[in-house]
Amino acid sequence: MQNILFFGDSLTTGYGLRNAATESFPALIGQKIDAEKLDYKIINAGLSGDTSAGGLRRIDYWLSQPVSVFVLELGINDIIRGITRQ
């Protein structure tokens, strides 16, 4: 089995959804992968409120594990907070 790592902020975690475990975009992609009987495991490493700098601080942990596909979604909190550089 290969791992697909979704790394991001509240958009990745599914913050505000009725059921993030089934409605977040990593979960929806996982459902499609399961329906096709593909040999992938979805890992949702989203953290609500995270910024690019925060992601950089926690990325080493996630990349120390086997990852076949890496999906990065960060930046909206940087924009909201007016952060232009790290």
PDB file of N, CA and C in Angstrom:
ATOM      1  N   MET A   1       0.843  -1.183   0.000  1.00  0.00           N
ATOM      2  CA  MET A   1       0.000   0.000   0.000  1.00  0.00           C
ATOM      3  C   MET A   1       0.885   1.242   0.000  1.00  0.00           C
ATOM      4  N   GLN A   2       0.494   2.212  -0.795  1.00  0.00           N
ATOM      5  CA  GLN A   2       1.217   3.480  -0.871  1.00  0.00           C
ATOM      6  C   GLN A   2       0.410   4.572  -0.169  1.00  0.00           C
ATOM      7  N   ASN A   3       1.119   5.557   0.365  1.00  0.00           N
ATOM      8  CA  ASN A   3       0.474   6.643   1.092  1.00  0.00           C
ATOM      9  C   ASN A   3       0.331   7.885   0.226  1.00  0.00           C
ATOM     10  N   ILE A   4      -0.844   8.510   0.331  1.00  0.00           N
ATOM     11  CA  ILE A   4      -1.071   9.833  -0.241  1.00  0.00           C
ATOM     12  C   ILE A   4      -1.231  10.777   0.937  1.00  0.00           C
ATOM     13  N   LEU A   5      -0.326  11.726   1.062  1.00  0.00           N
ATOM     14  CA  LEU A   5      -0.324  12.678   2.170  1.00  0.00           C
ATOM     15  C   LEU A   5      -0.919  14.005   1.721  1.00  0.00           C
ATOM     16  N   PHE A   6      -2.000  14.413   2.387  1.00  0.00           N
ATOM     17  CA  PHE A   6      -2.595  15.731   2.177  1.00  0.00           C
ATOM     18  C   PHE A   6      -2.128  16.604   3.332  1.00  0.00           C
ATOM     19  N   PHE A   7      -1.389  17.645   3.005  1.00  0.00           N
ATOM     20  CA  PHE A   7      -0.755  18.495   4.007  1.00  0.00           C
ATOM     21  C   PHE A   7      -1.266  19.911   3.817  1.00  0.00           C
ATOM     22  N   GLY A   8      -1.959  20.455   4.816  1.00  0.00           N
ATOM     23  CA  GLY A   8      -2.503  21.792   4.627  1.00  0.00           C
ATOM     24  C   GLY A   8      -3.117  22.366   5.886  1.00  0.00           C
ATOM     25  N   ASP A   9      -4.102  23.231   5.660  1.00  0.00           N
ATOM     26  CA  ASP A   9      -4.752  23.955   6.755  1.00  0.00           C
ATOM     27  C   ASP A   9      -6.205  23.498   6.896  1.00  0.00           C
ATOM     28  N   SER A  10      -7.082  24.398   7.316  1.00  0.00           N
ATOM     29  CA  SER A  10      -8.483  24.033   7.570  1.00  0.00           C
ATOM     30  C   SER A  10      -9.203  23.545   6.315  1.00  0.00           C
ATOM     31  N   LEU A  11      -8.779  23.978   5.153  1.00  0.00           N
ATOM     32  CA  LEU A  11      -9.395  23.475   3.925  1.00  0.00           C
ATOM     33  C   LEU A  11      -9.116  21.980   3.766  1.00  0.00           C
ATOM     34  N   THR A  12      -7.953  21.544   4.202  1.00  0.00           N
ATOM     35  CA  THR A  12      -7.602  20.130   4.159  1.00  0.00           C
ATOM     36  C   THR A  12      -8.317  19.349   5.261  1.00  0.00           C
ATOM     37  N   THR A  13      -8.351  19.906   6.466  1.00  0.00           N
ATOM     38  CA  THR A  13      -8.987  19.182   7.579  1.00  0.00           C
ATOM     39  C   THR A  13     -10.486  19.057   7.389  1.00  0.00           C
ATOM     40  N   GLY A  14     -11.068  19.971   6.631  1.00  0.00           N
ATOM     41  CA  GLY A  14     -12.517  19.964   6.468  1.00  0.00           C
ATOM     42  C   GLY A  14     -13.226  20.743   7.558  1.00  0.00           C
ATOM     43  N   TYR A  15     -12.524  21.721   8.103  1.00  0.00           N
ATOM     44  CA  TYR A  15     -13.074  22.549   9.173  1.00  0.00           C
ATOM     45  C   TYR A  15     -14.423  23.144   8.746  1.00  0.00           C
ATOM     46  N   GLY A  16     -15.400  23.031   9.621  1.00  0.00           N
ATOM     47  CA  GLY A  16     -16.718  23.614   9.372  1.00  0.00           C
ATOM     48  C   GLY A  16     -17.676  22.694   8.635  1.00  0.00           C
ATOM     49  N   LEU A  17     -17.193  21.579   8.142  1.00  0.00           N
ATOM     50  CA  LEU A  17     -18.078  20.634   7.477  1.00  0.00           C
ATOM     51  C   LEU A  17     -18.848  19.832   8.522  1.00  0.00           C
ATOM     52  N   ARG A  18     -20.001  19.353   8.161  1.00  0.00           N
ATOM     53  CA  ARG A  18     -20.808  18.559   9.076  1.00  0.00           C
ATOM     54  C   ARG A  18     -20.044  17.312   9.526  1.00  0.00           C
ATOM     55  N   ASN A  19     -19.375  16.637   8.577  1.00  0.00           N
ATOM     56  CA  ASN A  19     -18.609  15.438   8.896  1.00  0.00           C
ATOM     57  C   ASN A  19     -17.309  15.466   8.100  1.00  0.00           C
ATOM     58  N   ALA A  20     -16.286  16.045   8.684  1.00  0.00           N
ATOM     59  CA  ALA A  20     -15.005  16.195   7.986  1.00  0.00           C
ATOM     60  C   ALA A  20     -14.401  14.854   7.599  1.00  0.00           C
ATOM     61  N   ALA A  21     -14.668  13.817   8.385  1.00  0.00           N
ATOM     62  CA  ALA A  21     -14.102  12.496   8.093  1.00  0.00           C
ATOM     63  C   ALA A  21     -14.617  11.928   6.773  1.00  0.00           C
ATOM     64  N   THR A  22     -15.781  12.398   6.324  1.00  0.00           N
ATOM     65  CA  THR A  22     -16.330  11.901   5.058  1.00  0.00           C
ATOM     66  C   THR A  22     -16.488  12.986   3.997  1.00  0.00           C
ATOM     67  N   GLU A  23     -16.413  14.264   4.399  1.00  0.00           N
ATOM     68  CA  GLU A  23     -16.689  15.347   3.461  1.00  0.00           C
ATOM     69  C   GLU A  23     -15.487  16.202   3.081  1.00  0.00           C
ATOM     70  N   SER A  24     -14.367  16.076   3.792  1.00  0.00           N
ATOM     71  CA  SER A  24     -13.180  16.869   3.429  1.00  0.00           C
ATOM     72  C   SER A  24     -12.684  16.408   2.059  1.00  0.00           C
ATOM     73  N   PHE A  25     -11.906  17.242   1.377  1.00  0.00           N
ATOM     74  CA  PHE A  25     -11.468  16.822   0.052  1.00  0.00           C
ATOM     75  C   PHE A  25     -10.541  15.610   0.092  1.00  0.00           C
ATOM     76  N   PRO A  26      -9.689  15.419   1.119  1.00  0.00           N
ATOM     77  CA  PRO A  26      -8.940  14.159   1.160  1.00  0.00           C
ATOM     78  C   PRO A  26      -9.871  12.943   1.318  1.00  0.00           C
ATOM     79  N   ALA A  27     -10.918  13.087   2.125  1.00  0.00           N
ATOM     80  CA  ALA A  27     -11.870  11.984   2.313  1.00  0.00           C
ATOM     81  C   ALA A  27     -12.601  11.663   1.015  1.00  0.00           C
ATOM     82  N   LEU A  28     -13.010  12.683   0.284  1.00  0.00           N
ATOM     83  CA  LEU A  28     -13.713  12.460  -0.981  1.00  0.00           C
ATOM     84  C   LEU A  28     -12.815  11.771  -2.006  1.00  0.00           C
ATOM     85  N   ILE A  29     -11.565  12.187  -2.066  1.00  0.00           N
ATOM     86  CA  ILE A  29     -10.618  11.522  -2.970  1.00  0.00           C
ATOM     87  C   ILE A  29     -10.387  10.088  -2.509  1.00  0.00           C
ATOM     88  N   GLY A  30     -10.302   9.884  -1.209  1.00  0.00           N
ATOM     89  CA  GLY A  30     -10.143   8.541  -0.668  1.00  0.00           C
ATOM     90  C   GLY A  30     -11.305   7.631  -1.038  1.00  0.00           C
ATOM     91  N   GLN A  31     -12.514   8.173  -1.022  1.00  0.00           N
ATOM     92  CA  GLN A  31     -13.684   7.391  -1.413  1.00  0.00           C
ATOM     93  C   GLN A  31     -13.591   6.951  -2.876  1.00  0.00           C
ATOM     94  N   LYS A  32     -13.129   7.843  -3.727  1.00  0.00           N
ATOM     95  CA  LYS A  32     -12.964   7.495  -5.148  1.00  0.00           C
ATOM     96  C   LYS A  32     -11.871   6.437  -5.330  1.00  0.00           C
ATOM     97  N   ILE A  33     -10.794   6.579  -4.593  1.00  0.00           N
ATOM     98  CA  ILE A  33      -9.698   5.601  -4.651  1.00  0.00           C
ATOM     99  C   ILE A  33     -10.195   4.228  -4.183  1.00  0.00           C
ATOM    100  N   ASP A  34     -10.960   4.215  -3.090  1.00  0.00           N
ATOM    101  CA  ASP A  34     -11.514   2.960  -2.583  1.00  0.00           C
ATOM    102  C   ASP A  34     -12.471   2.332  -3.599  1.00  0.00           C
ATOM    103  N   ALA A  35     -13.303   3.155  -4.228  1.00  0.00           N
ATOM    104  CA  ALA A  35     -14.259   2.643  -5.215  1.00  0.00           C
ATOM    105  C   ALA A  35     -13.549   1.981  -6.391  1.00  0.00           C
ATOM    106  N   GLU A  36     -12.372   2.500  -6.715  1.00  0.00           N
ATOM    107  CA  GLU A  36     -11.582   1.924  -7.818  1.00  0.00           C
ATOM    108  C   GLU A  36     -10.682   0.787  -7.345  1.00  0.00           C
ATOM    109  N   LYS A  37     -10.742   0.507  -6.036  1.00  0.00           N
ATOM    110  CA  LYS A  37      -9.936  -0.557  -5.424  1.00  0.00           C
ATOM    111  C   LYS A  37      -8.437  -0.373  -5.669  1.00  0.00           C
ATOM    112  N   LEU A  38      -8.005   0.891  -5.576  1.00  0.00           N
ATOM    113  CA  LEU A  38      -6.590   1.210  -5.720  1.00  0.00           C
ATOM    114  C   LEU A  38      -5.892   1.036  -4.376  1.00  0.00           C
ATOM    115  N   ASP A  39      -4.633   0.705  -4.419  1.00  0.00           N
ATOM    116  CA  ASP A  39      -3.886   0.364  -3.217  1.00  0.00           C
ATOM    117  C   ASP A  39      -3.190   1.596  -2.623  1.00  0.00           C
ATOM    118  N   TYR A  40      -4.001   2.549  -2.153  1.00  0.00           N
ATOM    119  CA  TYR A  40      -3.483   3.768  -1.549  1.00  0.00           C
ATOM    120  C   TYR A  40      -4.165   4.014  -0.212  1.00  0.00           C
ATOM    121  N   LYS A  41      -3.412   4.575   0.710  1.00  0.00           N
ATOM    122  CA  LYS A  41      -3.940   5.005   1.998  1.00  0.00           C
ATOM    123  C   LYS A  41      -3.902   6.528   2.037  1.00  0.00           C
ATOM    124  N   ILE A  42      -4.997   7.148   2.425  1.00  0.00           N
ATOM    125  CA  ILE A  42      -5.086   8.600   2.540  1.00  0.00           C
ATOM    126  C   ILE A  42      -4.660   9.014   3.949  1.00  0.00           C
ATOM    127  N   ILE A  43      -3.772   9.989   4.027  1.00  0.00           N
ATOM    128  CA  ILE A  43      -3.369  10.573   5.304  1.00  0.00           C
ATOM    129  C   ILE A  43      -3.736  12.054   5.260  1.00  0.00           C
ATOM    130  N   ASN A  44      -4.605  12.462   6.154  1.00  0.00           N
ATOM    131  CA  ASN A  44      -5.013  13.864   6.226  1.00  0.00           C
ATOM    132  C   ASN A  44      -4.185  14.538   7.315  1.00  0.00           C
ATOM    133  N   ALA A  45      -3.187  15.299   6.885  1.00  0.00           N
ATOM    134  CA  ALA A  45      -2.307  16.014   7.814  1.00  0.00           C
ATOM    135  C   ALA A  45      -2.626  17.506   7.805  1.00  0.00           C
ATOM    136  N   GLY A  46      -3.905  17.816   7.702  1.00  0.00           N
ATOM    137  CA  GLY A  46      -4.317  19.208   7.767  1.00  0.00           C
ATOM    138  C   GLY A  46      -4.350  19.693   9.200  1.00  0.00           C
ATOM    139  N   LEU A  47      -4.089  20.964   9.385  1.00  0.00           N
ATOM    140  CA  LEU A  47      -4.132  21.594  10.708  1.00  0.00           C
ATOM    141  C   LEU A  47      -4.801  22.956  10.551  1.00  0.00           C
ATOM    142  N   SER A  48      -5.984  23.084  11.120  1.00  0.00           N
ATOM    143  CA  SER A  48      -6.732  24.340  10.990  1.00  0.00           C
ATOM    144  C   SER A  48      -5.918  25.513  11.505  1.00  0.00           C
ATOM    145  N   GLY A  49      -5.934  26.588  10.748  1.00  0.00           N
ATOM    146  CA  GLY A  49      -5.231  27.802  11.129  1.00  0.00           C
ATOM    147  C   GLY A  49      -3.763  27.828  10.753  1.00  0.00           C
ATOM    148  N   ASP A  50      -3.276  26.748  10.170  1.00  0.00           N
ATOM    149  CA  ASP A  50      -1.843  26.682   9.863  1.00  0.00           C
ATOM    150  C   ASP A  50      -1.455  27.681   8.772  1.00  0.00           C
ATOM    151  N   THR A  51      -0.236  28.145   8.856  1.00  0.00           N
ATOM    152  CA  THR A  51       0.341  29.046   7.863  1.00  0.00           C
ATOM    153  C   THR A  51       1.469  28.313   7.143  1.00  0.00           C
ATOM    154  N   SER A  52       2.044  28.937   6.151  1.00  0.00           N
ATOM    155  CA  SER A  52       3.187  28.339   5.457  1.00  0.00           C
ATOM    156  C   SER A  52       4.342  28.100   6.415  1.00  0.00           C
ATOM    157  N   ALA A  53       4.596  29.053   7.304  1.00  0.00           N
ATOM    158  CA  ALA A  53       5.679  28.890   8.276  1.00  0.00           C
ATOM    159  C   ALA A  53       5.376  27.748   9.242  1.00  0.00           C
ATOM    160  N   GLY A  54       4.136  27.637   9.670  1.00  0.00           N
ATOM    161  CA  GLY A  54       3.742  26.541  10.550  1.00  0.00           C
ATOM    162  C   GLY A  54       3.894  25.199   9.863  1.00  0.00           C
ATOM    163  N   GLY A  55       3.512  25.144   8.604  1.00  0.00           N
ATOM    164  CA  GLY A  55       3.674  23.916   7.832  1.00  0.00           C
ATOM    165  C   GLY A  55       5.133  23.525   7.711  1.00  0.00           C
ATOM    166  N   LEU A  56       5.971  24.500   7.494  1.00  0.00           N
ATOM    167  CA  LEU A  56       7.403  24.238   7.384  1.00  0.00           C
ATOM    168  C   LEU A  56       7.953  23.649   8.689  1.00  0.00           C
ATOM    169  N   ARG A  57       7.435  24.134   9.821  1.00  0.00           N
ATOM    170  CA  ARG A  57       7.899  23.630  11.119  1.00  0.00           C
ATOM    171  C   ARG A  57       7.469  22.184  11.375  1.00  0.00           C
ATOM    172  N   ARG A  58       6.368  21.738  10.790  1.00  0.00           N
ATOM    173  CA  ARG A  58       5.891  20.390  11.086  1.00  0.00           C
ATOM    174  C   ARG A  58       6.068  19.385   9.949  1.00  0.00           C
ATOM    175  N   ILE A  59       6.625  19.804   8.819  1.00  0.00           N
ATOM    176  CA  ILE A  59       6.738  18.927   7.657  1.00  0.00           C
ATOM    177  C   ILE A  59       7.682  17.750   7.864  1.00  0.00           C
ATOM    178  N   ASP A  60       8.753  17.948   8.623  1.00  0.00           N
ATOM    179  CA  ASP A  60       9.738  16.872   8.795  1.00  0.00           C
ATOM    180  C   ASP A  60       9.119  15.596   9.355  1.00  0.00           C
ATOM    181  N   TYR A  61       8.223  15.747  10.302  1.00  0.00           N
ATOM    182  CA  TYR A  61       7.567  14.569  10.877  1.00  0.00           C
ATOM    183  C   TYR A  61       6.867  13.763   9.788  1.00  0.00           C
ATOM    184  N   TRP A  62       6.101  14.442   8.957  1.00  0.00           N
ATOM    185  CA  TRP A  62       5.313  13.747   7.944  1.00  0.00           C
ATOM    186  C   TRP A  62       6.173  13.155   6.844  1.00  0.00           C
ATOM    187  N   LEU A  63       7.246  13.840   6.498  1.00  0.00           N
ATOM    188  CA  LEU A  63       8.106  13.326   5.423  1.00  0.00           C
ATOM    189  C   LEU A  63       9.072  12.256   5.916  1.00  0.00           C
ATOM    190  N   SER A  64       9.106  12.009   7.220  1.00  0.00           N
ATOM    191  CA  SER A  64       9.943  10.915   7.735  1.00  0.00           C
ATOM    192  C   SER A  64       9.236   9.568   7.555  1.00  0.00           C
ATOM    193  N   GLN A  65       7.993   9.599   7.098  1.00  0.00           N
ATOM    194  CA  GLN A  65       7.219   8.396   6.834  1.00  0.00           C
ATOM    195  C   GLN A  65       7.163   8.166   5.322  1.00  0.00           C
ATOM    196  N   PRO A  66       6.874   6.941   4.901  1.00  0.00           N
ATOM    197  CA  PRO A  66       6.781   6.683   3.460  1.00  0.00           C
ATOM    198  C   PRO A  66       5.622   7.466   2.835  1.00  0.00           C
ATOM    199  N   VAL A  67       5.922   8.257   1.831  1.00  0.00           N
ATOM    200  CA  VAL A  67       4.908   9.035   1.116  1.00  0.00           C
ATOM    201  C   VAL A  67       5.132   8.834  -0.379  1.00  0.00           C
ATOM    202  N   SER A  68       4.092   8.384  -1.056  1.00  0.00           N
ATOM    203  CA  SER A  68       4.175   8.191  -2.502  1.00  0.00           C
ATOM    204  C   SER A  68       3.668   9.416  -3.266  1.00  0.00           C
ATOM    205  N   VAL A  69       2.620  10.047  -2.721  1.00  0.00           N
ATOM    206  CA  VAL A  69       2.037  11.243  -3.337  1.00  0.00           C
ATOM    207  C   VAL A  69       1.881  12.286  -2.239  1.00  0.00           C
ATOM    208  N   PHE A  70       2.309  13.503  -2.534  1.00  0.00           N
ATOM    209  CA  PHE A  70       2.241  14.600  -1.570  1.00  0.00           C
ATOM    210  C   PHE A  70       1.380  15.712  -2.162  1.00  0.00           C
ATOM    211  N   VAL A  71       0.303  16.078  -1.451  1.00  0.00           N
ATOM    212  CA  VAL A  71      -0.587  17.155  -1.890  1.00  0.00           C
ATOM    213  C   VAL A  71      -0.459  18.286  -0.882  1.00  0.00           C
ATOM    214  N   LEU A  72      -0.020  19.456  -1.354  1.00  0.00           N
ATOM    215  CA  LEU A  72       0.202  20.606  -0.486  1.00  0.00           C
ATOM    216  C   LEU A  72      -0.894  21.643  -0.687  1.00  0.00           C
ATOM    217  N   GLU A  73      -1.483  22.080   0.414  1.00  0.00           N
ATOM    218  CA  GLU A  73      -2.518  23.120   0.385  1.00  0.00           C
ATOM    219  C   GLU A  73      -2.271  24.039   1.571  1.00  0.00           C
ATOM    220  N   LEU A  74      -1.535  25.094   1.373  1.00  0.00           N
ATOM    221  CA  LEU A  74      -1.290  26.102   2.403  1.00  0.00           C
ATOM    222  C   LEU A  74      -1.283  27.477   1.742  1.00  0.00           C
ATOM    223  N   GLY A  75      -1.524  28.487   2.522  1.00  0.00           N
ATOM    224  CA  GLY A  75      -1.386  29.850   2.017  1.00  0.00           C
ATOM    225  C   GLY A  75      -2.547  30.771   2.331  1.00  0.00           C
ATOM    226  N   ILE A  76      -3.761  30.213   2.483  1.00  0.00           N
ATOM    227  CA  ILE A  76      -4.899  31.102   2.703  1.00  0.00           C
ATOM    228  C   ILE A  76      -4.779  31.849   4.023  1.00  0.00           C
ATOM    229  N   ASN A  77      -4.245  31.202   5.055  1.00  0.00           N
ATOM    230  CA  ASN A  77      -4.089  31.901   6.340  1.00  0.00           C
ATOM    231  C   ASN A  77      -2.991  32.956   6.279  1.00  0.00           C
ATOM    232  N   ASP A  78      -1.985  32.730   5.444  1.00  0.00           N
ATOM    233  CA  ASP A  78      -0.967  33.764   5.225  1.00  0.00           C
ATOM    234  C   ASP A  78      -1.626  35.008   4.619  1.00  0.00           C
ATOM    235  N   ILE A  79      -2.489  34.798   3.638  1.00  0.00           N
ATOM    236  CA  ILE A  79      -3.171  35.914   2.967  1.00  0.00           C
ATOM    237  C   ILE A  79      -4.092  36.643   3.945  1.00  0.00           C
ATOM    238  N   ILE A  80      -4.884  35.867   4.694  1.00  0.00           N
ATOM    239  CA  ILE A  80      -5.825  36.468   5.645  1.00  0.00           C
ATOM    240  C   ILE A  80      -5.088  37.307   6.691  1.00  0.00           C
ATOM    241  N   ARG A  81      -3.929  36.840   7.120  1.00  0.00           N
ATOM    242  CA  ARG A  81      -3.163  37.531   8.149  1.00  0.00           C
ATOM    243  C   ARG A  81      -2.198  38.579   7.586  1.00  0.00           C
ATOM    244  N   GLY A  82      -2.153  38.695   6.285  1.00  0.00           N
ATOM    245  CA  GLY A  82      -1.272  39.688   5.663  1.00  0.00           C
ATOM    246  C   GLY A  82       0.192  39.337   5.714  1.00  0.00           C
ATOM    247  N   ILE A  83       0.493  38.044   5.825  1.00  0.00           N
ATOM    248  CA  ILE A  83       1.893  37.604   5.867  1.00  0.00           C
ATOM    249  C   ILE A  83       2.398  37.503   4.432  1.00  0.00           C
ATOM    250  N   THR A  84       3.443  38.234   4.124  1.00  0.00           N
ATOM    251  CA  THR A  84       3.956  38.220   2.758  1.00  0.00           C
ATOM    252  C   THR A  84       5.260  37.445   2.619  1.00  0.00           C
ATOM    253  N   ARG A  85       6.011  37.286   3.705  1.00  0.00           N
ATOM    254  CA  ARG A  85       7.302  36.565   3.664  1.00  0.00           C
ATOM    255  C   ARG A  85       7.471  35.774   4.937  1.00  0.00           C
ATOM    256  N   GLN A  86       8.247  34.718   4.830  1.00  0.00           N
ATOM    257  CA  GLN A  86       8.592  33.898   6.016  1.00  0.00           C
ATOM    258  C   GLN A  86      10.061  34.001   6.260  1.00  0.00           C
TER     259      GLN A  86
END
